[in-house]
């Protein structure tokens, strides 16, 4: 399994925000935003900043995604 950021992108879309808006409001670096776009891990501190900035819960930002290989192995 890995962390996915689809809930964050949906939350931003619902609020009519761009990634750049989030970056500026939460004080994030462009690298943090780029890493999320690539599905890479970010720190818990960064997740907390995002949740505080958007006034939302963690499930509005991340989700656990089952890896393709694991799905096929269990079939």
PDB file of N, CA and C in Angstrom:
ATOM      1  N   UNK A   1       0.844  -1.186   0.000  1.00  0.00           N
ATOM      2  CA  UNK A   1       0.000   0.000   0.000  1.00  0.00           C
ATOM      3  C   UNK A   1       0.882   1.239   0.000  1.00  0.00           C
ATOM      4  N   UNK A   2       0.314   2.302  -0.487  1.00  0.00           N
ATOM      5  CA  UNK A   2       1.024   3.568  -0.460  1.00  0.00           C
ATOM      6  C   UNK A   2       0.038   4.712  -0.207  1.00  0.00           C
ATOM      7  N   UNK A   3       0.588   5.871   0.074  1.00  0.00           N
ATOM      8  CA  UNK A   3      -0.222   7.053   0.341  1.00  0.00           C
ATOM      9  C   UNK A   3      -0.590   7.719  -0.978  1.00  0.00           C
ATOM     10  N   UNK A   4      -1.857   8.079  -1.118  1.00  0.00           N
ATOM     11  CA  UNK A   4      -2.322   8.821  -2.283  1.00  0.00           C
ATOM     12  C   UNK A   4      -2.872  10.174  -1.845  1.00  0.00           C
ATOM     13  N   UNK A   5      -2.774  11.141  -2.715  1.00  0.00           N
ATOM     14  CA  UNK A   5      -3.203  12.503  -2.395  1.00  0.00           C
ATOM     15  C   UNK A   5      -4.464  12.929  -3.151  1.00  0.00           C
ATOM     16  N   UNK A   6      -5.170  11.983  -3.751  1.00  0.00           N
ATOM     17  CA  UNK A   6      -6.391  12.322  -4.479  1.00  0.00           C
ATOM     18  C   UNK A   6      -7.405  13.077  -3.620  1.00  0.00           C
ATOM     19  N   UNK A   7      -7.571  12.710  -2.340  1.00  0.00           N
ATOM     20  CA  UNK A   7      -8.511  13.488  -1.521  1.00  0.00           C
ATOM     21  C   UNK A   7      -8.119  14.971  -1.424  1.00  0.00           C
ATOM     22  N   UNK A   8      -6.822  15.260  -1.364  1.00  0.00           N
ATOM     23  CA  UNK A   8      -6.372  16.652  -1.307  1.00  0.00           C
ATOM     24  C   UNK A   8      -6.725  17.378  -2.593  1.00  0.00           C
ATOM     25  N   UNK A   9      -6.469  16.751  -3.735  1.00  0.00           N
ATOM     26  CA  UNK A   9      -6.763  17.417  -5.006  1.00  0.00           C
ATOM     27  C   UNK A   9      -8.262  17.659  -5.140  1.00  0.00           C
ATOM     28  N   UNK A  10      -9.090  16.717  -4.662  1.00  0.00           N
ATOM     29  CA  UNK A  10     -10.545  16.923  -4.685  1.00  0.00           C
ATOM     30  C   UNK A  10     -10.944  18.064  -3.751  1.00  0.00           C
ATOM     31  N   UNK A  11     -10.346  18.097  -2.560  1.00  0.00           N
ATOM     32  CA  UNK A  11     -10.648  19.149  -1.591  1.00  0.00           C
ATOM     33  C   UNK A  11     -10.293  20.514  -2.173  1.00  0.00           C
ATOM     34  N   UNK A  12      -9.127  20.612  -2.791  1.00  0.00           N
ATOM     35  CA  UNK A  12      -8.737  21.887  -3.400  1.00  0.00           C
ATOM     36  C   UNK A  12      -9.712  22.285  -4.506  1.00  0.00           C
ATOM     37  N   UNK A  13     -10.107  21.323  -5.324  1.00  0.00           N
ATOM     38  CA  UNK A  13     -11.040  21.611  -6.421  1.00  0.00           C
ATOM     39  C   UNK A  13     -12.389  22.095  -5.876  1.00  0.00           C
ATOM     40  N   UNK A  14     -12.883  21.425  -4.835  1.00  0.00           N
ATOM     41  CA  UNK A  14     -14.154  21.824  -4.222  1.00  0.00           C
ATOM     42  C   UNK A  14     -14.090  23.252  -3.683  1.00  0.00           C
ATOM     43  N   UNK A  15     -12.919  23.635  -3.207  1.00  0.00           N
ATOM     44  CA  UNK A  15     -12.743  24.974  -2.628  1.00  0.00           C
ATOM     45  C   UNK A  15     -12.237  25.986  -3.647  1.00  0.00           C
ATOM     46  N   UNK A  16     -12.160  25.542  -4.888  1.00  0.00           N
ATOM     47  CA  UNK A  16     -11.690  26.387  -5.985  1.00  0.00           C
ATOM     48  C   UNK A  16     -10.325  26.997  -5.683  1.00  0.00           C
ATOM     49  N   UNK A  17      -9.459  26.134  -5.174  1.00  0.00           N
ATOM     50  CA  UNK A  17      -8.084  26.536  -4.871  1.00  0.00           C
ATOM     51  C   UNK A  17      -7.126  25.823  -5.814  1.00  0.00           C
ATOM     52  N   UNK A  18      -6.031  26.474  -6.095  1.00  0.00           N
ATOM     53  CA  UNK A  18      -4.959  25.850  -6.869  1.00  0.00           C
ATOM     54  C   UNK A  18      -3.902  25.339  -5.905  1.00  0.00           C
ATOM     55  N   UNK A  19      -3.027  24.502  -6.410  1.00  0.00           N
ATOM     56  CA  UNK A  19      -1.916  24.010  -5.588  1.00  0.00           C
ATOM     57  C   UNK A  19      -1.074  25.184  -5.102  1.00  0.00           C
ATOM     58  N   UNK A  20      -0.917  26.168  -5.953  1.00  0.00           N
ATOM     59  CA  UNK A  20      -0.135  27.355  -5.589  1.00  0.00           C
ATOM     60  C   UNK A  20      -0.808  28.123  -4.446  1.00  0.00           C
ATOM     61  N   UNK A  21      -2.139  28.190  -4.454  1.00  0.00           N
ATOM     62  CA  UNK A  21      -2.866  28.843  -3.363  1.00  0.00           C
ATOM     63  C   UNK A  21      -2.589  28.132  -2.045  1.00  0.00           C
ATOM     64  N   UNK A  22      -2.640  26.807  -2.077  1.00  0.00           N
ATOM     65  CA  UNK A  22      -2.346  26.017  -0.882  1.00  0.00           C
ATOM     66  C   UNK A  22      -0.909  26.241  -0.440  1.00  0.00           C
ATOM     67  N   UNK A  23       0.009  26.212  -1.380  1.00  0.00           N
ATOM     68  CA  UNK A  23       1.426  26.392  -1.063  1.00  0.00           C
ATOM     69  C   UNK A  23       1.651  27.700  -0.314  1.00  0.00           C
ATOM     70  N   UNK A  24       1.075  28.769  -0.809  1.00  0.00           N
ATOM     71  CA  UNK A  24       1.261  30.076  -0.183  1.00  0.00           C
ATOM     72  C   UNK A  24       0.554  30.161   1.175  1.00  0.00           C
ATOM     73  N   UNK A  25      -0.675  29.652   1.235  1.00  0.00           N
ATOM     74  CA  UNK A  25      -1.457  29.743   2.477  1.00  0.00           C
ATOM     75  C   UNK A  25      -0.846  28.904   3.603  1.00  0.00           C
ATOM     76  N   UNK A  26      -0.297  27.750   3.258  1.00  0.00           N
ATOM     77  CA  UNK A  26       0.242  26.838   4.276  1.00  0.00           C
ATOM     78  C   UNK A  26       1.739  27.028   4.495  1.00  0.00           C
ATOM     79  N   UNK A  27       2.374  27.866   3.690  1.00  0.00           N
ATOM     80  CA  UNK A  27       3.814  28.063   3.830  1.00  0.00           C
ATOM     81  C   UNK A  27       4.619  26.856   3.397  1.00  0.00           C
ATOM     82  N   UNK A  28       4.161  26.184   2.351  1.00  0.00           N
ATOM     83  CA  UNK A  28       4.845  25.000   1.844  1.00  0.00           C
ATOM     84  C   UNK A  28       5.852  25.394   0.769  1.00  0.00           C
ATOM     85  N   UNK A  29       6.805  24.522   0.519  1.00  0.00           N
ATOM     86  CA  UNK A  29       7.759  24.770  -0.558  1.00  0.00           C
ATOM     87  C   UNK A  29       7.222  24.171  -1.847  1.00  0.00           C
ATOM     88  N   UNK A  30       7.789  24.628  -2.962  1.00  0.00           N
ATOM     89  CA  UNK A  30       7.391  24.049  -4.245  1.00  0.00           C
ATOM     90  C   UNK A  30       7.763  22.572  -4.305  1.00  0.00           C
ATOM     91  N   UNK A  31       8.862  22.185  -3.622  1.00  0.00           N
ATOM     92  CA  UNK A  31       9.259  20.773  -3.587  1.00  0.00           C
ATOM     93  C   UNK A  31       8.223  19.916  -2.880  1.00  0.00           C
ATOM     94  N   UNK A  32       7.633  20.421  -1.806  1.00  0.00           N
ATOM     95  CA  UNK A  32       6.600  19.654  -1.095  1.00  0.00           C
ATOM     96  C   UNK A  32       5.408  19.401  -2.010  1.00  0.00           C
ATOM     97  N   UNK A  33       4.972  20.430  -2.716  1.00  0.00           N
ATOM     98  CA  UNK A  33       3.844  20.289  -3.639  1.00  0.00           C
ATOM     99  C   UNK A  33       4.218  19.317  -4.763  1.00  0.00           C
ATOM    100  N   UNK A  34       5.423  19.455  -5.298  1.00  0.00           N
ATOM    101  CA  UNK A  34       5.883  18.559  -6.372  1.00  0.00           C
ATOM    102  C   UNK A  34       5.932  17.113  -5.886  1.00  0.00           C
ATOM    103  N   UNK A  35       6.425  16.893  -4.673  1.00  0.00           N
ATOM    104  CA  UNK A  35       6.488  15.536  -4.127  1.00  0.00           C
ATOM    105  C   UNK A  35       5.103  14.931  -3.993  1.00  0.00           C
ATOM    106  N   UNK A  36       4.137  15.717  -3.546  1.00  0.00           N
ATOM    107  CA  UNK A  36       2.772  15.198  -3.447  1.00  0.00           C
ATOM    108  C   UNK A  36       2.228  14.874  -4.829  1.00  0.00           C
ATOM    109  N   UNK A  37       2.541  15.710  -5.805  1.00  0.00           N
ATOM    110  CA  UNK A  37       2.101  15.459  -7.175  1.00  0.00           C
ATOM    111  C   UNK A  37       2.669  14.172  -7.735  1.00  0.00           C
ATOM    112  N   UNK A  38       3.848  13.792  -7.253  1.00  0.00           N
ATOM    113  CA  UNK A  38       4.501  12.545  -7.689  1.00  0.00           C
ATOM    114  C   UNK A  38       4.143  11.359  -6.797  1.00  0.00           C
ATOM    115  N   UNK A  39       3.294  11.596  -5.788  1.00  0.00           N
ATOM    116  CA  UNK A  39       2.893  10.521  -4.894  1.00  0.00           C
ATOM    117  C   UNK A  39       3.941  10.154  -3.861  1.00  0.00           C
ATOM    118  N   UNK A  40       4.902  11.042  -3.628  1.00  0.00           N
ATOM    119  CA  UNK A  40       5.940  10.760  -2.641  1.00  0.00           C
ATOM    120  C   UNK A  40       5.468  11.145  -1.250  1.00  0.00           C
ATOM    121  N   UNK A  41       6.141  10.604  -0.253  1.00  0.00           N
ATOM    122  CA  UNK A  41       5.788  10.878   1.138  1.00  0.00           C
ATOM    123  C   UNK A  41       6.174  12.295   1.535  1.00  0.00           C
ATOM    124  N   UNK A  42       5.371  12.865   2.414  1.00  0.00           N
ATOM    125  CA  UNK A  42       5.685  14.148   3.024  1.00  0.00           C
ATOM    126  C   UNK A  42       5.613  13.950   4.531  1.00  0.00           C
ATOM    127  N   UNK A  43       6.129  14.886   5.275  1.00  0.00           N
ATOM    128  CA  UNK A  43       6.187  14.725   6.729  1.00  0.00           C
ATOM    129  C   UNK A  43       4.817  14.927   7.372  1.00  0.00           C
ATOM    130  N   UNK A  44       4.693  14.420   8.587  1.00  0.00           N
ATOM    131  CA  UNK A  44       3.468  14.628   9.360  1.00  0.00           C
ATOM    132  C   UNK A  44       3.276  16.113   9.657  1.00  0.00           C
ATOM    133  N   UNK A  45       4.377  16.840   9.849  1.00  0.00           N
ATOM    134  CA  UNK A  45       4.285  18.287  10.065  1.00  0.00           C
ATOM    135  C   UNK A  45       3.629  18.969   8.869  1.00  0.00           C
ATOM    136  N   UNK A  46       4.009  18.551   7.680  1.00  0.00           N
ATOM    137  CA  UNK A  46       3.430  19.124   6.462  1.00  0.00           C
ATOM    138  C   UNK A  46       1.949  18.774   6.359  1.00  0.00           C
ATOM    139  N   UNK A  47       1.610  17.528   6.652  1.00  0.00           N
ATOM    140  CA  UNK A  47       0.195  17.128   6.634  1.00  0.00           C
ATOM    141  C   UNK A  47      -0.619  17.940   7.638  1.00  0.00           C
ATOM    142  N   UNK A  48      -0.036  18.171   8.807  1.00  0.00           N
ATOM    143  CA  UNK A  48      -0.716  18.971   9.831  1.00  0.00           C
ATOM    144  C   UNK A  48      -0.933  20.396   9.348  1.00  0.00           C
ATOM    145  N   UNK A  49       0.078  20.991   8.714  1.00  0.00           N
ATOM    146  CA  UNK A  49      -0.049  22.358   8.176  1.00  0.00           C
ATOM    147  C   UNK A  49      -1.182  22.430   7.162  1.00  0.00           C
ATOM    148  N   UNK A  50      -1.252  21.418   6.290  1.00  0.00           N
ATOM    149  CA  UNK A  50      -2.292  21.393   5.264  1.00  0.00           C
ATOM    150  C   UNK A  50      -3.671  21.301   5.905  1.00  0.00           C
ATOM    151  N   UNK A  51      -3.823  20.396   6.869  1.00  0.00           N
ATOM    152  CA  UNK A  51      -5.114  20.236   7.549  1.00  0.00           C
ATOM    153  C   UNK A  51      -5.520  21.508   8.286  1.00  0.00           C
ATOM    154  N   UNK A  52      -4.564  22.134   8.958  1.00  0.00           N
ATOM    155  CA  UNK A  52      -4.862  23.376   9.672  1.00  0.00           C
ATOM    156  C   UNK A  52      -5.242  24.486   8.701  1.00  0.00           C
ATOM    157  N   UNK A  53      -4.520  24.597   7.604  1.00  0.00           N
ATOM    158  CA  UNK A  53      -4.793  25.642   6.613  1.00  0.00           C
ATOM    159  C   UNK A  53      -6.163  25.464   5.985  1.00  0.00           C
ATOM    160  N   UNK A  54      -6.510  24.226   5.646  1.00  0.00           N
ATOM    161  CA  UNK A  54      -7.789  23.951   4.994  1.00  0.00           C
ATOM    162  C   UNK A  54      -8.919  23.702   5.990  1.00  0.00           C
ATOM    163  N   UNK A  55      -8.577  23.665   7.289  1.00  0.00           N
ATOM    164  CA  UNK A  55      -9.552  23.367   8.338  1.00  0.00           C
ATOM    165  C   UNK A  55     -10.312  22.085   7.991  1.00  0.00           C
ATOM    166  N   UNK A  56      -9.529  21.016   7.796  1.00  0.00           N
ATOM    167  CA  UNK A  56     -10.117  19.740   7.400  1.00  0.00           C
ATOM    168  C   UNK A  56      -9.423  18.598   8.131  1.00  0.00           C
ATOM    169  N   UNK A  57      -9.936  17.407   7.961  1.00  0.00           N
ATOM    170  CA  UNK A  57      -9.351  16.224   8.566  1.00  0.00           C
ATOM    171  C   UNK A  57      -8.335  15.570   7.647  1.00  0.00           C
ATOM    172  N   UNK A  58      -7.585  14.647   8.195  1.00  0.00           N
ATOM    173  CA  UNK A  58      -6.523  13.975   7.446  1.00  0.00           C
ATOM    174  C   UNK A  58      -7.066  13.197   6.250  1.00  0.00           C
ATOM    175  N   UNK A  59      -8.286  12.655   6.363  1.00  0.00           N
ATOM    176  CA  UNK A  59      -8.864  11.896   5.256  1.00  0.00           C
ATOM    177  C   UNK A  59      -9.317  12.787   4.106  1.00  0.00           C
ATOM    178  N   UNK A  60      -9.319  14.111   4.332  1.00  0.00           N
ATOM    179  CA  UNK A  60      -9.577  15.056   3.249  1.00  0.00           C
ATOM    180  C   UNK A  60      -8.294  15.373   2.492  1.00  0.00           C
ATOM    181  N   UNK A  61      -7.180  14.805   2.951  1.00  0.00           N
ATOM    182  CA  UNK A  61      -5.867  15.091   2.368  1.00  0.00           C
ATOM    183  C   UNK A  61      -5.206  13.839   1.793  1.00  0.00           C
ATOM    184  N   UNK A  62      -5.252  12.730   2.518  1.00  0.00           N
ATOM    185  CA  UNK A  62      -4.581  11.513   2.053  1.00  0.00           C
ATOM    186  C   UNK A  62      -5.503  10.307   2.119  1.00  0.00           C
ATOM    187  N   UNK A  63      -5.092   9.260   1.403  1.00  0.00           N
ATOM    188  CA  UNK A  63      -5.783   7.976   1.447  1.00  0.00           C
ATOM    189  C   UNK A  63      -4.749   6.874   1.280  1.00  0.00           C
ATOM    190  N   UNK A  64      -5.084   5.695   1.730  1.00  0.00           N
ATOM    191  CA  UNK A  64      -4.235   4.524   1.493  1.00  0.00           C
ATOM    192  C   UNK A  64      -4.696   3.865   0.203  1.00  0.00           C
ATOM    193  N   UNK A  65      -3.747   3.609  -0.677  1.00  0.00           N
ATOM    194  CA  UNK A  65      -4.053   3.015  -1.973  1.00  0.00           C
ATOM    195  C   UNK A  65      -3.348   1.671  -2.060  1.00  0.00           C
ATOM    196  N   UNK A  66      -4.094   0.668  -2.415  1.00  0.00           N
ATOM    197  CA  UNK A  66      -3.518  -0.675  -2.562  1.00  0.00           C
ATOM    198  C   UNK A  66      -2.677  -0.712  -3.832  1.00  0.00           C
ATOM    199  N   UNK A  67      -1.468  -1.262  -3.719  1.00  0.00           N
ATOM    200  CA  UNK A  67      -0.580  -1.388  -4.873  1.00  0.00           C
ATOM    201  C   UNK A  67      -1.130  -2.427  -5.835  1.00  0.00           C
ATOM    202  N   UNK A  68      -0.915  -2.211  -7.123  1.00  0.00           N
ATOM    203  CA  UNK A  68      -1.381  -3.132  -8.163  1.00  0.00           C
ATOM    204  C   UNK A  68      -0.889  -4.554  -7.930  1.00  0.00           C
ATOM    205  N   UNK A  69       0.393  -4.712  -7.616  1.00  0.00           N
ATOM    206  CA  UNK A  69       0.964  -6.048  -7.442  1.00  0.00           C
ATOM    207  C   UNK A  69       0.281  -6.805  -6.311  1.00  0.00           C
ATOM    208  N   UNK A  70      -0.015  -6.119  -5.220  1.00  0.00           N
ATOM    209  CA  UNK A  70      -0.686  -6.767  -4.096  1.00  0.00           C
ATOM    210  C   UNK A  70      -2.078  -7.223  -4.501  1.00  0.00           C
ATOM    211  N   UNK A  71      -2.764  -6.422  -5.296  1.00  0.00           N
ATOM    212  CA  UNK A  71      -4.107  -6.772  -5.751  1.00  0.00           C
ATOM    213  C   UNK A  71      -4.063  -8.060  -6.573  1.00  0.00           C
ATOM    214  N   UNK A  72      -3.099  -8.157  -7.487  1.00  0.00           N
ATOM    215  CA  UNK A  72      -3.012  -9.337  -8.343  1.00  0.00           C
ATOM    216  C   UNK A  72      -2.532 -10.567  -7.585  1.00  0.00           C
ATOM    217  N   UNK A  73      -1.692 -10.375  -6.585  1.00  0.00           N
ATOM    218  CA  UNK A  73      -1.195 -11.504  -5.805  1.00  0.00           C
ATOM    219  C   UNK A  73      -2.308 -12.161  -4.999  1.00  0.00           C
ATOM    220  N   UNK A  74      -3.270 -11.369  -4.549  1.00  0.00           N
ATOM    221  CA  UNK A  74      -4.329 -11.915  -3.707  1.00  0.00           C
ATOM    222  C   UNK A  74      -5.444 -12.561  -4.525  1.00  0.00           C
ATOM    223  N   UNK A  75      -5.426 -12.407  -5.865  1.00  0.00           N
ATOM    224  CA  UNK A  75      -6.467 -12.997  -6.716  1.00  0.00           C
ATOM    225  C   UNK A  75      -6.283 -14.482  -6.862  1.00  0.00           C
TER     226      UNK A  75
END
